[in-house]
Structures are given as structure tokens and as C-alpha cells.
Amino acid sequence: MTLLFVYVIAPIFVGCCVTLFKFWLEQRTKK
């Protein structure tokens, strides 16, 4: 159950973090 939770939630969490990081980098380079 825990492994399933990790395999389902981890990719979504990492994807959100990567998207936010890319967005932050774009905002930083524009200024």
C-alpha cells in the first residue's frame, strides 16, 4: 500500500516541482 502510494504520488509531486522550478527560472531570466 505504501509503495503504491509512493509510486503514484511521487511522480506527480516531482512533476509539479519541476514545473514550478522552470516557471521560476523563466521569471528570473526575464527580469
N, C-alpha and C. Protein backbone atom coordinates (compact mmCIF):
# COMPACT_ATOMS: atom_id res chain seq x y z
N MET A 1 0.84 -1.21 0.00
CA MET A 1 0.00 0.00 0.00
C MET A 1 0.88 1.25 0.00
N THR A 2 1.88 1.27 0.86
CA THR A 2 2.76 2.44 0.92
C THR A 2 3.54 2.58 -0.38
N LEU A 3 4.04 1.45 -0.92
CA LEU A 3 4.78 1.51 -2.18
C LEU A 3 3.90 2.05 -3.29
N LEU A 4 2.65 1.59 -3.36
CA LEU A 4 1.72 2.08 -4.37
C LEU A 4 1.53 3.58 -4.22
N PHE A 5 1.37 4.03 -2.98
CA PHE A 5 1.19 5.45 -2.70
C PHE A 5 2.40 6.24 -3.20
N VAL A 6 3.60 5.72 -2.90
CA VAL A 6 4.83 6.40 -3.33
C VAL A 6 4.91 6.44 -4.86
N TYR A 7 4.63 5.32 -5.51
CA TYR A 7 4.74 5.27 -6.97
C TYR A 7 3.71 6.15 -7.66
N VAL A 8 2.57 6.40 -7.02
CA VAL A 8 1.53 7.24 -7.63
C VAL A 8 1.76 8.72 -7.31
N ILE A 9 2.08 9.03 -6.07
CA ILE A 9 2.20 10.42 -5.64
C ILE A 9 3.55 11.03 -6.02
N ALA A 10 4.63 10.27 -5.89
CA ALA A 10 5.97 10.81 -6.16
C ALA A 10 6.10 11.44 -7.54
N PRO A 11 5.73 10.75 -8.64
CA PRO A 11 5.87 11.36 -9.97
C PRO A 11 5.06 12.64 -10.12
N ILE A 12 3.87 12.69 -9.52
CA ILE A 12 3.03 13.89 -9.60
C ILE A 12 3.71 15.03 -8.84
N PHE A 13 4.21 14.73 -7.64
CA PHE A 13 4.87 15.74 -6.81
C PHE A 13 6.12 16.28 -7.51
N VAL A 14 6.94 15.36 -8.05
CA VAL A 14 8.16 15.76 -8.77
C VAL A 14 7.80 16.59 -9.99
N GLY A 15 6.77 16.18 -10.72
CA GLY A 15 6.35 16.93 -11.91
C GLY A 15 5.94 18.34 -11.56
N CYS A 16 5.20 18.50 -10.47
CA CYS A 16 4.79 19.84 -10.03
C CYS A 16 6.00 20.68 -9.65
N CYS A 17 6.94 20.07 -8.94
CA CYS A 17 8.14 20.80 -8.51
C CYS A 17 8.94 21.25 -9.73
N VAL A 18 9.11 20.37 -10.71
CA VAL A 18 9.87 20.71 -11.92
C VAL A 18 9.18 21.83 -12.67
N THR A 19 7.86 21.76 -12.79
CA THR A 19 7.11 22.80 -13.50
C THR A 19 7.26 24.15 -12.80
N LEU A 20 7.13 24.15 -11.48
CA LEU A 20 7.28 25.40 -10.72
C LEU A 20 8.70 25.93 -10.84
N PHE A 21 9.70 25.04 -10.81
CA PHE A 21 11.11 25.45 -10.92
C PHE A 21 11.38 26.09 -12.28
N LYS A 22 10.86 25.47 -13.36
CA LYS A 22 11.04 26.03 -14.71
C LYS A 22 10.37 27.39 -14.81
N PHE A 23 9.17 27.51 -14.25
CA PHE A 23 8.44 28.78 -14.27
C PHE A 23 9.23 29.85 -13.52
N TRP A 24 9.81 29.48 -12.37
CA TRP A 24 10.60 30.41 -11.57
C TRP A 24 11.84 30.86 -12.34
N LEU A 25 12.49 29.91 -13.03
CA LEU A 25 13.68 30.26 -13.81
C LEU A 25 13.31 31.22 -14.93
N GLU A 26 12.19 30.99 -15.60
CA GLU A 26 11.76 31.88 -16.68
C GLU A 26 11.51 33.28 -16.15
N GLN A 27 10.83 33.38 -15.01
CA GLN A 27 10.55 34.69 -14.42
C GLN A 27 11.85 35.38 -14.02
N ARG A 28 12.81 34.61 -13.55
CA ARG A 28 14.08 35.18 -13.09
C ARG A 28 14.90 35.70 -14.27
N THR A 29 14.89 34.97 -15.38
CA THR A 29 15.70 35.39 -16.52
C THR A 29 15.08 36.57 -17.25
N LYS A 30 13.76 36.72 -17.16
CA LYS A 30 13.09 37.85 -17.84
C LYS A 30 13.46 39.18 -17.20
N LYS A 31 13.63 39.19 -15.87
CA LYS A 31 13.90 40.45 -15.17
C LYS A 31 15.30 40.98 -15.49
